[in-house]
Amino acid sequence: MNIGQAAKLSGLTVKTVRYYANIGLIMPLQDNQTGYRSFSEDDVAKLQFIGKARRFDFSINECRELLSLYQDKNRPSSEVKALTLEKIAQIDSKLDELTRLRDQLSHLANHCQGDGRPECPILDALSRS
């Protein structure tokens, strides 16, 4: 199938599919004369796998590692679990940071009168170093 069909079936954009092929995450067959790529059902399955992993915020390198583990039928599941637990810890850290930022912004918004006066504690806080 062509890149447009592969993109549609995998739920990704053509640009994303092309990028994943260019960096070697997937290896579609390429016609030497035309340069067009031909994608198999296996390529689409890998693209779907990568797309799901990216939605869980796995990096390209982490996706490469997960894909390698997925393809290795003799892999220990402990490696996959370790990667997943590491990702959960990263997400937890981001959540903590976002919660702190939200709390700080809420505090600033609560102390701003939001009226016609020019005084604004939000702008004051953002301008301090």
Protein backbone atom coordinates (compact mmCIF):
# COMPACT_ATOMS: atom_id res chain seq x y z
CA MET A 1 0.00 0.00 0.00
CA ASN A 2 1.13 3.60 -0.45
CA ILE A 3 2.05 6.03 2.28
CA GLY A 4 -1.39 7.69 2.32
CA GLN A 5 -3.12 4.38 2.92
CA ALA A 6 -0.61 3.40 5.60
CA ALA A 7 -1.08 6.76 7.32
CA LYS A 8 -4.86 6.46 7.28
CA LEU A 9 -4.88 2.89 8.60
CA SER A 10 -2.39 3.72 11.36
CA GLY A 11 -4.11 6.95 12.42
CA LEU A 12 -0.97 9.00 11.73
CA THR A 13 -0.22 11.78 9.29
CA VAL A 14 1.67 11.14 6.06
CA LYS A 15 4.41 13.44 7.36
CA THR A 16 4.75 11.37 10.54
CA VAL A 17 4.84 8.07 8.63
CA ARG A 18 7.49 9.48 6.30
CA TYR A 19 9.53 10.65 9.31
CA TYR A 20 9.34 7.25 11.01
CA ALA A 21 10.47 5.60 7.77
CA ASN A 22 13.30 8.11 7.33
CA ILE A 23 14.68 7.46 10.83
CA GLY A 24 14.36 3.70 10.44
CA LEU A 25 11.56 2.97 12.92
CA ILE A 26 9.85 1.15 10.08
CA MET A 27 11.45 -0.19 6.91
CA PRO A 28 8.95 -0.18 4.04
CA LEU A 29 10.04 -1.55 0.70
CA GLN A 30 11.24 1.17 -1.64
CA ASP A 31 11.06 1.06 -5.44
CA ASN A 32 14.56 1.90 -6.69
CA GLN A 33 13.25 3.47 -9.89
CA THR A 34 10.45 5.64 -8.53
CA GLY A 35 11.58 6.06 -4.92
CA TYR A 36 8.04 5.33 -3.74
CA ARG A 37 7.66 3.33 -0.56
CA SER A 38 5.38 0.34 -0.30
CA PHE A 39 3.96 -0.38 3.15
CA SER A 40 2.91 -3.81 4.35
CA GLU A 41 0.31 -4.75 6.94
CA ASP A 42 3.23 -5.40 9.30
CA ASP A 43 4.47 -1.83 8.72
CA VAL A 44 0.98 -0.52 9.55
CA ALA A 45 0.88 -2.62 12.73
CA LYS A 46 4.25 -1.16 13.76
CA LEU A 47 3.01 2.35 12.99
CA GLN A 48 -0.06 1.76 15.17
CA PHE A 49 2.19 0.43 17.93
CA ILE A 50 4.46 3.48 17.71
CA GLY A 51 1.47 5.83 17.60
CA LYS A 52 0.06 4.34 20.80
CA ALA A 53 3.45 4.46 22.51
CA ARG A 54 3.89 8.12 21.51
CA ARG A 55 0.48 8.95 23.00
CA PHE A 56 1.86 7.55 26.27
CA ASP A 57 4.70 10.06 25.85
CA PHE A 58 7.40 7.54 25.01
CA SER A 59 10.24 9.23 23.14
CA ILE A 60 11.37 8.10 19.70
CA ASN A 61 14.29 6.22 21.25
CA GLU A 62 12.00 4.61 23.81
CA CYS A 63 9.64 3.63 20.97
CA ARG A 64 12.58 2.12 19.14
CA GLU A 65 13.43 0.09 22.25
CA LEU A 66 9.82 -0.96 22.82
CA LEU A 67 9.46 -1.97 19.19
CA SER A 68 12.61 -4.03 19.47
CA LEU A 69 11.27 -5.73 22.58
CA TYR A 70 7.91 -6.27 20.89
CA GLN A 71 9.58 -8.00 17.95
CA ASP A 72 11.78 -10.16 20.20
CA LYS A 73 9.54 -13.06 21.17
CA ASN A 74 12.17 -14.24 23.71
CA ARG A 75 12.27 -10.95 25.61
CA PRO A 76 11.83 -10.88 29.35
CA SER A 77 8.74 -8.90 30.25
CA SER A 78 10.75 -7.37 33.10
CA GLU A 79 12.49 -5.08 30.58
CA VAL A 80 9.15 -3.83 29.29
CA LYS A 81 7.86 -3.32 32.81
CA ALA A 82 11.01 -1.42 33.81
CA LEU A 83 10.59 0.97 30.86
CA THR A 84 6.94 1.45 31.73
CA LEU A 85 7.63 2.13 35.40
CA GLU A 86 10.28 4.67 34.41
CA LYS A 87 7.73 6.39 32.15
CA ILE A 88 5.19 6.43 34.99
CA ALA A 89 7.77 8.08 37.26
CA GLN A 90 8.42 10.72 34.58
CA ILE A 91 4.69 11.37 34.20
CA ASP A 92 4.30 11.62 38.00
CA SER A 93 7.12 14.17 38.08
CA LYS A 94 5.45 16.22 35.34
CA LEU A 95 2.14 16.03 37.17
CA ASP A 96 3.78 17.30 40.37
CA GLU A 97 5.37 20.18 38.46
CA LEU A 98 2.07 21.04 36.74
CA THR A 99 0.25 20.94 40.06
CA ARG A 100 2.79 23.36 41.58
CA LEU A 101 2.45 25.69 38.57
CA ARG A 102 -1.35 25.55 38.78
CA ASP A 103 -1.25 26.33 42.50
CA GLN A 104 1.05 29.29 41.94
CA LEU A 105 -1.12 30.67 39.14
CA SER A 106 -4.28 30.17 41.20
CA HIS A 107 -2.67 32.07 44.08
CA LEU A 108 -1.77 34.93 41.74
CA ALA A 109 -5.23 34.98 40.15
CA ASN A 110 -6.89 35.03 43.59
CA HIS A 111 -4.82 38.07 44.57
CA CYS A 112 -5.56 40.03 41.41
CA GLN A 113 -8.56 42.35 41.70
CA GLY A 114 -9.30 41.99 38.00
CA ASP A 115 -10.78 45.47 37.87
CA GLY A 116 -10.01 48.66 35.96
CA ARG A 117 -6.93 49.52 38.01
CA PRO A 118 -3.49 48.97 36.44
CA GLU A 119 -2.05 47.16 39.49
CA CYS A 120 -1.74 43.47 38.75
CA PRO A 121 0.03 40.96 41.03
CA ILE A 122 0.13 38.46 38.16
CA LEU A 123 2.24 40.77 35.96
CA ASP A 124 4.29 41.80 38.98
CA ALA A 125 5.14 38.17 39.77
CA LEU A 126 5.99 37.37 36.16
CA SER A 127 8.31 40.37 35.90
CA ARG A 128 10.36 39.49 39.02
CA SER A 129 13.51 37.47 38.59
